[in-house]
């Protein structure tokens, strides 16, 4: 019987770039991931204390956490793709870099088309909500300053086209990386 730990199924995710524009992008995204999760945890902890200790609920807490989670999901989908954390079905196992490039191009084209459709229709849909304000933000801002913030729901819905654009860029970078590996096997690629 073989030891499963001795025979890894995959090589693991590619390392995140540490320098240049890509390094800055990854550092910003990791910072946003941590700070947005910290904000959600803090808001929910305050909500729990308010509800169970002071018997008074914060009417804006769940709405704010929902909006933060939506933006977090769409901003960080590219990082999840880069790290190989999305669900994948790898039926071919180890194949040559050129075959992997052909398969990846074959898969990337319809996915890219779908992401472009989501960006286009997501932008149109977000544009329909330029007058509807976000109640939670208005409530908090009015409590602090005495006047409404006027932040519209557009800024929630625009997360869909933004996230799809980020994911599309990661798909293209992955395709370029596979192209580099296919035609120059001595390199490790660009680190999609």
N, C-alpha and C. Protein backbone atom coordinates (compact mmCIF):
# COMPACT_ATOMS: atom_id res chain seq x y z
N UNK A 1 0.84 -1.18 0.00
CA UNK A 1 0.00 0.00 0.00
C UNK A 1 0.89 1.24 0.00
N UNK A 2 0.54 2.22 -0.84
CA UNK A 2 1.36 3.44 -0.92
C UNK A 2 0.83 4.50 0.01
N UNK A 3 1.74 5.33 0.43
CA UNK A 3 1.38 6.44 1.31
C UNK A 3 0.79 7.57 0.48
N UNK A 4 -0.49 7.99 0.74
CA UNK A 4 -1.10 9.06 -0.05
C UNK A 4 -0.34 10.37 0.04
N UNK A 5 0.32 10.61 1.14
CA UNK A 5 1.07 11.87 1.28
C UNK A 5 2.31 11.88 0.40
N UNK A 6 2.80 10.69 0.04
CA UNK A 6 4.02 10.62 -0.77
C UNK A 6 3.73 10.86 -2.26
N UNK A 7 2.49 10.72 -2.68
CA UNK A 7 2.13 10.93 -4.08
C UNK A 7 1.09 12.03 -4.20
N UNK A 8 1.54 13.27 -4.27
CA UNK A 8 0.58 14.38 -4.36
C UNK A 8 -0.16 14.35 -5.69
N UNK A 9 -1.45 14.73 -5.65
CA UNK A 9 -2.26 14.75 -6.86
C UNK A 9 -1.93 15.94 -7.74
N UNK A 10 -1.63 17.07 -7.14
CA UNK A 10 -1.30 18.27 -7.91
C UNK A 10 -0.04 18.90 -7.35
N UNK A 11 0.52 19.77 -8.13
CA UNK A 11 1.74 20.45 -7.71
C UNK A 11 1.45 21.60 -6.75
N UNK A 12 0.20 21.95 -6.58
CA UNK A 12 -0.17 23.05 -5.71
C UNK A 12 -0.33 24.34 -6.49
N UNK A 13 -0.86 25.35 -5.85
CA UNK A 13 -1.10 26.61 -6.55
C UNK A 13 0.20 27.31 -6.89
N UNK A 14 0.17 28.10 -7.96
CA UNK A 14 1.38 28.87 -8.28
C UNK A 14 1.60 29.94 -7.22
N UNK A 15 2.85 30.29 -6.99
CA UNK A 15 3.12 31.32 -5.98
C UNK A 15 2.61 32.68 -6.44
N UNK A 16 2.20 33.49 -5.48
CA UNK A 16 1.78 34.84 -5.81
C UNK A 16 3.00 35.69 -6.09
N UNK A 17 2.94 36.53 -7.13
CA UNK A 17 4.07 37.42 -7.42
C UNK A 17 4.30 38.38 -6.25
N UNK A 18 5.55 38.65 -5.96
CA UNK A 18 5.88 39.53 -4.83
C UNK A 18 6.33 40.92 -5.26
N UNK A 19 6.69 41.09 -6.53
CA UNK A 19 7.20 42.38 -6.98
C UNK A 19 6.41 42.87 -8.17
N UNK A 20 6.60 44.13 -8.49
CA UNK A 20 5.97 44.73 -9.65
C UNK A 20 4.49 45.00 -9.46
N UNK A 21 3.83 45.27 -10.56
CA UNK A 21 2.41 45.60 -10.55
C UNK A 21 1.56 44.43 -10.08
N UNK A 22 1.91 43.21 -10.52
CA UNK A 22 1.17 42.03 -10.08
C UNK A 22 1.33 41.80 -8.58
N UNK A 23 2.53 42.02 -8.09
CA UNK A 23 2.76 41.88 -6.65
C UNK A 23 1.92 42.86 -5.86
N UNK A 24 1.85 44.11 -6.34
CA UNK A 24 1.02 45.12 -5.68
C UNK A 24 -0.44 44.71 -5.72
N UNK A 25 -0.90 44.23 -6.88
CA UNK A 25 -2.29 43.78 -7.02
C UNK A 25 -2.61 42.68 -6.01
N UNK A 26 -1.75 41.67 -5.91
CA UNK A 26 -2.00 40.58 -4.98
C UNK A 26 -1.96 41.05 -3.53
N UNK A 27 -1.04 41.94 -3.20
CA UNK A 27 -0.98 42.46 -1.82
C UNK A 27 -2.23 43.25 -1.47
N UNK A 28 -2.72 44.07 -2.42
CA UNK A 28 -3.95 44.84 -2.18
C UNK A 28 -5.13 43.90 -2.00
N UNK A 29 -5.23 42.87 -2.84
CA UNK A 29 -6.35 41.94 -2.74
C UNK A 29 -6.31 41.15 -1.43
N UNK A 30 -5.13 40.73 -1.02
CA UNK A 30 -5.01 40.01 0.25
C UNK A 30 -5.38 40.93 1.41
N UNK A 31 -4.96 42.20 1.35
CA UNK A 31 -5.33 43.17 2.37
C UNK A 31 -6.85 43.36 2.40
N UNK A 32 -7.47 43.51 1.21
CA UNK A 32 -8.93 43.66 1.16
C UNK A 32 -9.64 42.43 1.70
N UNK A 33 -9.10 41.25 1.43
CA UNK A 33 -9.70 40.02 1.94
C UNK A 33 -9.70 40.03 3.47
N UNK A 34 -8.56 40.34 4.04
CA UNK A 34 -8.46 40.35 5.49
C UNK A 34 -9.27 41.45 6.15
N UNK A 35 -9.19 42.65 5.59
CA UNK A 35 -9.90 43.77 6.23
C UNK A 35 -11.41 43.64 6.06
N UNK A 36 -11.87 43.13 4.92
CA UNK A 36 -13.32 42.97 4.76
C UNK A 36 -13.84 41.87 5.67
N UNK A 37 -13.07 40.80 5.84
CA UNK A 37 -13.51 39.75 6.76
C UNK A 37 -13.49 40.24 8.20
N UNK A 38 -12.48 41.04 8.54
CA UNK A 38 -12.43 41.62 9.89
C UNK A 38 -13.62 42.54 10.12
N UNK A 39 -14.01 43.31 9.11
CA UNK A 39 -15.18 44.19 9.23
C UNK A 39 -16.45 43.38 9.46
N UNK A 40 -16.61 42.29 8.70
CA UNK A 40 -17.81 41.45 8.88
C UNK A 40 -17.85 40.86 10.28
N UNK A 41 -16.72 40.34 10.73
CA UNK A 41 -16.67 39.74 12.07
C UNK A 41 -16.97 40.80 13.14
N UNK A 42 -16.37 41.98 13.01
CA UNK A 42 -16.59 43.04 14.00
C UNK A 42 -18.06 43.48 14.02
N UNK A 43 -18.65 43.69 12.85
CA UNK A 43 -20.05 44.11 12.79
C UNK A 43 -20.95 43.05 13.40
N UNK A 44 -20.70 41.79 13.08
CA UNK A 44 -21.54 40.71 13.62
C UNK A 44 -21.35 40.54 15.12
N UNK A 45 -20.12 40.74 15.62
CA UNK A 45 -19.90 40.66 17.07
C UNK A 45 -20.65 41.79 17.79
N UNK A 46 -20.59 42.99 17.23
CA UNK A 46 -21.34 44.11 17.82
C UNK A 46 -22.83 43.81 17.77
N UNK A 47 -23.29 43.22 16.67
CA UNK A 47 -24.71 42.86 16.54
C UNK A 47 -25.11 41.83 17.60
N UNK A 48 -24.27 40.83 17.84
CA UNK A 48 -24.58 39.80 18.84
C UNK A 48 -24.63 40.40 20.24
N UNK A 49 -23.64 41.24 20.55
CA UNK A 49 -23.64 41.89 21.87
C UNK A 49 -24.86 42.79 22.03
N UNK A 50 -25.16 43.56 21.00
CA UNK A 50 -26.32 44.46 21.08
C UNK A 50 -27.62 43.67 21.26
N UNK A 51 -27.73 42.57 20.55
CA UNK A 51 -28.99 41.81 20.60
C UNK A 51 -29.14 41.06 21.91
N UNK A 52 -28.09 40.37 22.37
CA UNK A 52 -28.24 39.47 23.52
C UNK A 52 -27.86 40.10 24.86
N UNK A 53 -27.07 41.16 24.83
CA UNK A 53 -26.71 41.81 26.09
C UNK A 53 -27.62 43.01 26.35
N UNK A 54 -27.82 43.84 25.31
CA UNK A 54 -28.60 45.06 25.49
C UNK A 54 -30.04 44.92 24.98
N UNK A 55 -30.39 43.75 24.45
CA UNK A 55 -31.74 43.49 23.96
C UNK A 55 -32.19 44.52 22.93
N UNK A 56 -31.25 44.94 22.09
CA UNK A 56 -31.54 45.92 21.05
C UNK A 56 -30.70 45.59 19.83
N UNK A 57 -31.36 45.37 18.72
CA UNK A 57 -30.65 44.95 17.52
C UNK A 57 -30.21 46.15 16.68
N UNK A 58 -29.09 46.00 15.97
CA UNK A 58 -28.66 47.00 15.01
C UNK A 58 -29.39 46.72 13.69
N UNK A 59 -30.18 47.65 13.23
CA UNK A 59 -31.00 47.36 12.05
C UNK A 59 -30.19 47.34 10.76
N UNK A 60 -28.99 47.83 10.79
CA UNK A 60 -28.18 47.91 9.57
C UNK A 60 -27.10 46.84 9.46
N UNK A 61 -26.87 46.06 10.52
CA UNK A 61 -25.71 45.16 10.56
C UNK A 61 -25.76 44.07 9.49
N UNK A 62 -26.87 43.38 9.37
CA UNK A 62 -26.94 42.28 8.42
C UNK A 62 -26.84 42.78 6.98
N UNK A 63 -27.45 43.91 6.71
CA UNK A 63 -27.39 44.48 5.36
C UNK A 63 -25.96 44.88 4.99
N UNK A 64 -25.26 45.52 5.92
CA UNK A 64 -23.88 45.91 5.66
C UNK A 64 -22.99 44.68 5.43
N UNK A 65 -23.16 43.65 6.25
CA UNK A 65 -22.36 42.44 6.09
C UNK A 65 -22.65 41.77 4.75
N UNK A 66 -23.90 41.79 4.34
CA UNK A 66 -24.26 41.21 3.04
C UNK A 66 -23.56 41.95 1.90
N UNK A 67 -23.56 43.27 1.95
CA UNK A 67 -22.91 44.05 0.88
C UNK A 67 -21.41 43.86 0.88
N UNK A 68 -20.81 43.81 2.06
CA UNK A 68 -19.36 43.58 2.14
C UNK A 68 -19.03 42.20 1.58
N UNK A 69 -19.85 41.20 1.91
CA UNK A 69 -19.61 39.84 1.43
C UNK A 69 -19.76 39.74 -0.09
N UNK A 70 -20.72 40.46 -0.66
CA UNK A 70 -20.89 40.46 -2.12
C UNK A 70 -19.65 41.03 -2.79
N UNK A 71 -19.17 42.19 -2.31
CA UNK A 71 -17.97 42.79 -2.90
C UNK A 71 -16.75 41.90 -2.68
N UNK A 72 -16.66 41.31 -1.50
CA UNK A 72 -15.54 40.43 -1.19
C UNK A 72 -15.51 39.25 -2.17
N UNK A 73 -16.67 38.67 -2.43
CA UNK A 73 -16.75 37.53 -3.35
C UNK A 73 -16.28 37.90 -4.74
N UNK A 74 -16.78 39.00 -5.28
CA UNK A 74 -16.45 39.34 -6.66
C UNK A 74 -15.04 39.91 -6.80
N UNK A 75 -14.53 40.58 -5.79
CA UNK A 75 -13.16 41.09 -5.89
C UNK A 75 -12.13 39.97 -5.78
N UNK A 76 -12.44 38.95 -5.01
CA UNK A 76 -11.43 37.94 -4.71
C UNK A 76 -11.58 36.66 -5.53
N UNK A 77 -12.53 36.61 -6.45
CA UNK A 77 -12.71 35.42 -7.28
C UNK A 77 -11.47 35.16 -8.13
N UNK A 78 -10.80 36.20 -8.59
CA UNK A 78 -9.59 36.03 -9.38
C UNK A 78 -8.46 35.41 -8.59
N UNK A 79 -8.31 35.81 -7.34
CA UNK A 79 -7.28 35.23 -6.48
C UNK A 79 -7.59 33.75 -6.24
N UNK A 80 -8.86 33.43 -6.01
CA UNK A 80 -9.25 32.04 -5.81
C UNK A 80 -8.94 31.21 -7.06
N UNK A 81 -9.20 31.78 -8.23
CA UNK A 81 -8.88 31.08 -9.48
C UNK A 81 -7.37 30.87 -9.61
N UNK A 82 -6.62 31.93 -9.33
CA UNK A 82 -5.15 31.86 -9.43
C UNK A 82 -4.59 30.79 -8.50
N UNK A 83 -5.13 30.69 -7.31
CA UNK A 83 -4.63 29.74 -6.32
C UNK A 83 -5.15 28.33 -6.55
N UNK A 84 -6.05 28.14 -7.54
CA UNK A 84 -6.60 26.82 -7.80
C UNK A 84 -7.63 26.40 -6.79
N UNK A 85 -8.33 27.37 -6.18
CA UNK A 85 -9.29 27.06 -5.13
C UNK A 85 -10.72 26.94 -5.63
N UNK A 86 -10.93 27.11 -6.94
CA UNK A 86 -12.25 26.90 -7.50
C UNK A 86 -12.40 25.42 -7.83
N UNK A 87 -13.63 24.96 -7.89
CA UNK A 87 -13.88 23.55 -8.20
C UNK A 87 -13.42 23.26 -9.62
N UNK A 88 -12.63 22.19 -9.81
CA UNK A 88 -12.17 21.83 -11.13
C UNK A 88 -12.29 20.32 -11.30
N UNK A 89 -12.43 19.92 -12.52
CA UNK A 89 -12.49 18.51 -12.85
C UNK A 89 -11.34 18.25 -13.82
N UNK A 90 -10.30 17.63 -13.33
CA UNK A 90 -9.11 17.39 -14.14
C UNK A 90 -9.10 15.93 -14.57
N UNK A 91 -9.65 15.66 -15.73
CA UNK A 91 -9.74 14.30 -16.24
C UNK A 91 -8.47 13.85 -16.95
N UNK A 92 -7.66 14.78 -17.36
CA UNK A 92 -6.50 14.43 -18.18
C UNK A 92 -5.23 14.21 -17.37
N UNK A 93 -5.24 14.62 -16.12
CA UNK A 93 -4.05 14.46 -15.29
C UNK A 93 -2.87 15.18 -15.88
N UNK A 94 -1.77 14.50 -15.94
CA UNK A 94 -0.56 15.12 -16.50
C UNK A 94 -0.57 14.97 -18.01
N UNK A 95 -0.59 16.08 -18.70
CA UNK A 95 -0.51 16.09 -20.16
C UNK A 95 0.63 17.01 -20.57
N UNK A 96 0.97 16.97 -21.83
CA UNK A 96 2.04 17.84 -22.30
C UNK A 96 1.56 19.29 -22.25
N UNK A 97 2.49 20.24 -22.11
CA UNK A 97 2.11 21.65 -22.04
C UNK A 97 1.33 22.13 -23.26
N UNK A 98 1.63 21.61 -24.43
CA UNK A 98 0.93 22.06 -25.64
C UNK A 98 -0.50 21.55 -25.67
N UNK A 99 -0.71 20.33 -25.24
CA UNK A 99 -2.09 19.81 -25.17
C UNK A 99 -2.87 20.58 -24.12
N UNK A 100 -2.23 20.87 -22.99
CA UNK A 100 -2.89 21.65 -21.93
C UNK A 100 -3.27 23.05 -22.46
N UNK A 101 -2.41 23.64 -23.29
CA UNK A 101 -2.71 24.96 -23.86
C UNK A 101 -3.93 24.88 -24.77
N UNK A 102 -3.99 23.85 -25.61
CA UNK A 102 -5.14 23.70 -26.52
C UNK A 102 -6.42 23.50 -25.72
N UNK A 103 -6.37 22.66 -24.71
CA UNK A 103 -7.56 22.41 -23.89
C UNK A 103 -7.97 23.67 -23.15
N UNK A 104 -6.99 24.37 -22.60
CA UNK A 104 -7.30 25.60 -21.85
C UNK A 104 -7.88 26.66 -22.77
N UNK A 105 -7.38 26.78 -23.99
CA UNK A 105 -7.93 27.74 -24.95
C UNK A 105 -9.36 27.35 -25.31
N UNK A 106 -9.58 26.05 -25.50
CA UNK A 106 -10.92 25.55 -25.84
C UNK A 106 -11.92 25.86 -24.73
N UNK A 107 -11.49 25.77 -23.48
CA UNK A 107 -12.36 26.04 -22.34
C UNK A 107 -12.47 27.54 -22.07
N UNK A 108 -11.39 28.27 -22.28
CA UNK A 108 -11.38 29.70 -21.95
C UNK A 108 -12.30 30.51 -22.86
N UNK A 109 -12.41 30.13 -24.12
CA UNK A 109 -13.22 30.92 -25.06
C UNK A 109 -14.68 31.02 -24.61
N UNK A 110 -15.39 29.91 -24.34
CA UNK A 110 -16.78 30.07 -23.89
C UNK A 110 -16.90 30.73 -22.52
N UNK A 111 -15.96 30.44 -21.63
CA UNK A 111 -15.99 31.07 -20.31
C UNK A 111 -15.78 32.58 -20.44
N UNK A 112 -14.84 32.97 -21.29
CA UNK A 112 -14.59 34.40 -21.51
C UNK A 112 -15.82 35.07 -22.12
N UNK A 113 -16.46 34.40 -23.05
CA UNK A 113 -17.67 34.95 -23.66
C UNK A 113 -18.76 35.14 -22.60
N UNK A 114 -18.92 34.15 -21.73
CA UNK A 114 -19.91 34.25 -20.66
C UNK A 114 -19.58 35.39 -19.71
N UNK A 115 -18.30 35.54 -19.35
CA UNK A 115 -17.90 36.63 -18.46
C UNK A 115 -18.14 37.99 -19.12
N UNK A 116 -17.90 38.09 -20.42
CA UNK A 116 -18.16 39.34 -21.13
C UNK A 116 -19.65 39.65 -21.13
N UNK A 117 -20.48 38.63 -21.32
CA UNK A 117 -21.94 38.83 -21.25
C UNK A 117 -22.35 39.29 -19.85
N UNK A 118 -21.78 38.65 -18.83
CA UNK A 118 -22.10 39.07 -17.45
C UNK A 118 -21.66 40.50 -17.18
N UNK A 119 -20.50 40.89 -17.71
CA UNK A 119 -20.03 42.27 -17.52
C UNK A 119 -20.99 43.24 -18.20
N UNK A 120 -21.35 42.93 -19.42
CA UNK A 120 -22.22 43.82 -20.19
C UNK A 120 -23.59 43.96 -19.54
N UNK A 121 -24.21 42.82 -19.28
CA UNK A 121 -25.56 42.86 -18.68
C UNK A 121 -25.52 43.32 -17.22
N UNK A 122 -24.44 42.98 -16.52
CA UNK A 122 -24.31 43.45 -15.14
C UNK A 122 -24.19 44.96 -15.06
N UNK A 123 -23.48 45.55 -16.01
CA UNK A 123 -23.35 47.02 -16.04
C UNK A 123 -24.71 47.66 -16.33
N UNK A 124 -25.45 47.09 -17.28
CA UNK A 124 -26.78 47.62 -17.60
C UNK A 124 -27.70 47.50 -16.39
N UNK A 125 -27.66 46.34 -15.74
CA UNK A 125 -28.51 46.13 -14.57
C UNK A 125 -28.14 47.10 -13.43
N UNK A 126 -26.85 47.26 -13.19
CA UNK A 126 -26.41 48.18 -12.14
C UNK A 126 -26.86 49.61 -12.45
N UNK A 127 -26.83 49.97 -13.73
CA UNK A 127 -27.23 51.31 -14.13
C UNK A 127 -28.70 51.62 -13.86
N UNK A 128 -29.50 50.60 -13.68
CA UNK A 128 -30.93 50.81 -13.38
C UNK A 128 -31.17 51.24 -11.94
N UNK A 129 -30.15 51.16 -11.11
CA UNK A 129 -30.31 51.45 -9.68
C UNK A 129 -29.48 52.64 -9.24
N UNK A 130 -29.39 53.64 -10.09
CA UNK A 130 -28.59 54.82 -9.75
C UNK A 130 -29.34 55.79 -8.83
N UNK A 131 -30.62 55.56 -8.63
CA UNK A 131 -31.40 56.48 -7.77
C UNK A 131 -31.83 55.85 -6.46
N UNK A 132 -31.75 54.54 -6.36
CA UNK A 132 -32.15 53.86 -5.13
C UNK A 132 -30.97 53.85 -4.16
N UNK A 133 -31.16 54.43 -3.00
CA UNK A 133 -30.06 54.50 -2.03
C UNK A 133 -29.99 53.23 -1.18
N UNK A 134 -28.84 53.03 -0.57
CA UNK A 134 -28.62 51.89 0.31
C UNK A 134 -29.11 52.29 1.71
N UNK A 135 -30.16 51.67 2.21
CA UNK A 135 -30.73 52.09 3.50
C UNK A 135 -29.76 52.00 4.66
N UNK A 136 -28.95 50.96 4.74
CA UNK A 136 -28.04 50.80 5.87
C UNK A 136 -27.01 51.92 5.91
N UNK A 137 -26.45 52.24 4.76
CA UNK A 137 -25.44 53.30 4.70
C UNK A 137 -26.07 54.65 5.04
N UNK A 138 -27.25 54.90 4.48
CA UNK A 138 -27.93 56.16 4.80
C UNK A 138 -28.25 56.27 6.28
N UNK A 139 -28.68 55.17 6.89
CA UNK A 139 -29.01 55.20 8.31
C UNK A 139 -27.77 55.53 9.15
N UNK A 140 -26.65 54.85 8.85
CA UNK A 140 -25.42 55.09 9.60
C UNK A 140 -24.92 56.51 9.37
N UNK A 141 -24.87 56.94 8.12
CA UNK A 141 -24.34 58.26 7.79
C UNK A 141 -25.21 59.37 8.37
N UNK A 142 -26.53 59.18 8.32
CA UNK A 142 -27.44 60.18 8.89
C UNK A 142 -27.25 60.26 10.40
N UNK A 143 -27.05 59.12 11.05
CA UNK A 143 -26.82 59.12 12.50
C UNK A 143 -25.53 59.85 12.86
N UNK A 144 -24.51 59.75 12.00
CA UNK A 144 -23.23 60.37 12.30
C UNK A 144 -23.16 61.84 11.92
N UNK A 145 -23.73 62.19 10.75
CA UNK A 145 -23.54 63.54 10.22
C UNK A 145 -24.81 64.39 10.18
N UNK A 146 -25.96 63.75 10.24
CA UNK A 146 -27.20 64.51 10.18
C UNK A 146 -27.79 64.63 8.79
N UNK A 147 -27.08 64.14 7.77
CA UNK A 147 -27.65 64.14 6.41
C UNK A 147 -27.33 62.81 5.73
N UNK A 148 -28.16 62.47 4.75
CA UNK A 148 -28.03 61.18 4.07
C UNK A 148 -26.77 61.13 3.22
N UNK A 149 -26.19 59.93 3.10
CA UNK A 149 -24.98 59.74 2.29
C UNK A 149 -25.31 59.75 0.81
N UNK A 150 -26.44 59.23 0.44
CA UNK A 150 -26.85 59.20 -0.95
C UNK A 150 -26.13 58.13 -1.77
N UNK A 151 -25.50 57.16 -1.11
CA UNK A 151 -24.82 56.08 -1.82
C UNK A 151 -25.88 55.15 -2.40
N UNK A 152 -25.78 54.89 -3.71
CA UNK A 152 -26.84 54.15 -4.37
C UNK A 152 -26.52 52.66 -4.46
N UNK A 153 -27.56 51.88 -4.74
CA UNK A 153 -27.45 50.43 -4.89
C UNK A 153 -26.60 50.08 -6.11
N UNK A 154 -26.42 51.03 -7.02
CA UNK A 154 -25.53 50.84 -8.16
C UNK A 154 -24.18 50.29 -7.71
N UNK A 155 -23.67 50.79 -6.60
CA UNK A 155 -22.34 50.40 -6.12
C UNK A 155 -22.30 48.98 -5.59
N UNK A 156 -23.45 48.40 -5.31
CA UNK A 156 -23.51 46.99 -4.93
C UNK A 156 -23.54 46.13 -6.19
N UNK A 157 -24.44 46.48 -7.11
CA UNK A 157 -24.61 45.69 -8.33
C UNK A 157 -23.42 45.79 -9.28
N UNK A 158 -22.67 46.85 -9.22
CA UNK A 158 -21.51 46.99 -10.12
C UNK A 158 -20.39 46.02 -9.72
N UNK A 159 -20.52 45.39 -8.57
CA UNK A 159 -19.53 44.39 -8.18
C UNK A 159 -19.52 43.20 -9.14
N UNK A 160 -20.65 42.90 -9.78
CA UNK A 160 -20.70 41.78 -10.72
C UNK A 160 -19.83 42.04 -11.94
N UNK A 161 -20.01 43.15 -12.68
CA UNK A 161 -19.10 43.35 -13.82
C UNK A 161 -17.64 43.54 -13.42
N UNK A 162 -17.39 44.16 -12.28
CA UNK A 162 -16.01 44.33 -11.82
C UNK A 162 -15.38 42.97 -11.54
N UNK A 163 -16.08 42.12 -10.81
CA UNK A 163 -15.56 40.79 -10.50
C UNK A 163 -15.38 39.93 -11.74
N UNK A 164 -16.31 40.04 -12.69
CA UNK A 164 -16.17 39.27 -13.94
C UNK A 164 -14.97 39.77 -14.75
N UNK A 165 -14.71 41.06 -14.75
CA UNK A 165 -13.55 41.60 -15.45
C UNK A 165 -12.25 41.09 -14.81
N UNK A 166 -12.22 41.07 -13.48
CA UNK A 166 -11.04 40.56 -12.78
C UNK A 166 -10.81 39.09 -13.11
N UNK A 167 -11.89 38.30 -13.07
CA UNK A 167 -11.76 36.88 -13.38
C UNK A 167 -11.34 36.66 -14.82
N UNK A 168 -11.87 37.46 -15.74
CA UNK A 168 -11.48 37.35 -17.15
C UNK A 168 -9.99 37.63 -17.32
N UNK A 169 -9.48 38.64 -16.62
CA UNK A 169 -8.05 38.93 -16.69
C UNK A 169 -7.22 37.75 -16.16
N UNK A 170 -7.70 37.10 -15.10
CA UNK A 170 -6.99 35.94 -14.57
C UNK A 170 -7.04 34.77 -15.57
N UNK A 171 -8.18 34.59 -16.23
CA UNK A 171 -8.28 33.53 -17.25
C UNK A 171 -7.28 33.79 -18.38
N UNK A 172 -7.23 35.03 -18.85
CA UNK A 172 -6.31 35.36 -19.94
C UNK A 172 -4.86 35.19 -19.49
N UNK A 173 -4.55 35.62 -18.28
CA UNK A 173 -3.19 35.47 -17.76
C UNK A 173 -2.83 33.99 -17.65
N UNK A 174 -3.79 33.16 -17.25
CA UNK A 174 -3.53 31.72 -17.18
C UNK A 174 -3.27 31.12 -18.54
N UNK A 175 -4.02 31.59 -19.54
CA UNK A 175 -3.82 31.12 -20.91
C UNK A 175 -2.44 31.54 -21.43
N UNK A 176 -2.05 32.78 -21.16
CA UNK A 176 -0.72 33.26 -21.57
C UNK A 176 0.36 32.45 -20.86
N UNK A 177 0.16 32.19 -19.59
CA UNK A 177 1.12 31.40 -18.81
C UNK A 177 1.28 30.00 -19.40
N UNK A 178 0.16 29.36 -19.77
CA UNK A 178 0.24 28.05 -20.40
C UNK A 178 0.92 28.13 -21.77
N UNK A 179 0.69 29.23 -22.49
CA UNK A 179 1.37 29.42 -23.78
C UNK A 179 2.87 29.53 -23.61
N UNK A 180 3.30 30.24 -22.59
CA UNK A 180 4.74 30.37 -22.31
C UNK A 180 5.32 29.00 -21.97
N UNK A 181 4.61 28.23 -21.15
CA UNK A 181 5.10 26.90 -20.77
C UNK A 181 5.11 25.94 -21.97
N UNK A 182 4.14 26.10 -22.88
CA UNK A 182 4.03 25.19 -24.02
C UNK A 182 5.15 25.41 -25.03
N UNK A 183 5.54 26.66 -25.24
CA UNK A 183 6.51 26.94 -26.28
C UNK A 183 7.92 27.20 -25.74
N UNK A 184 8.05 27.29 -24.44
CA UNK A 184 9.37 27.42 -23.82
C UNK A 184 9.34 26.61 -22.53
N UNK A 185 9.51 25.30 -22.61
CA UNK A 185 9.34 24.44 -21.44
C UNK A 185 10.37 24.68 -20.34
N UNK A 186 11.42 25.44 -20.61
CA UNK A 186 12.43 25.69 -19.58
C UNK A 186 12.02 26.78 -18.61
N UNK A 187 10.94 27.53 -18.93
CA UNK A 187 10.48 28.58 -18.04
C UNK A 187 9.37 28.05 -17.15
N UNK A 188 9.11 28.77 -16.08
CA UNK A 188 8.03 28.38 -15.17
C UNK A 188 6.77 29.15 -15.47
N UNK A 189 6.75 30.04 -16.46
CA UNK A 189 5.56 30.81 -16.80
C UNK A 189 5.54 32.13 -16.09
N UNK A 190 4.49 32.89 -16.40
CA UNK A 190 4.35 34.23 -15.84
C UNK A 190 3.71 34.24 -14.50
N UNK A 191 3.22 33.10 -14.01
CA UNK A 191 2.57 33.06 -12.69
C UNK A 191 1.17 33.59 -12.76
N UNK A 192 0.32 33.00 -13.63
CA UNK A 192 -1.05 33.45 -13.81
C UNK A 192 -1.70 33.59 -12.49
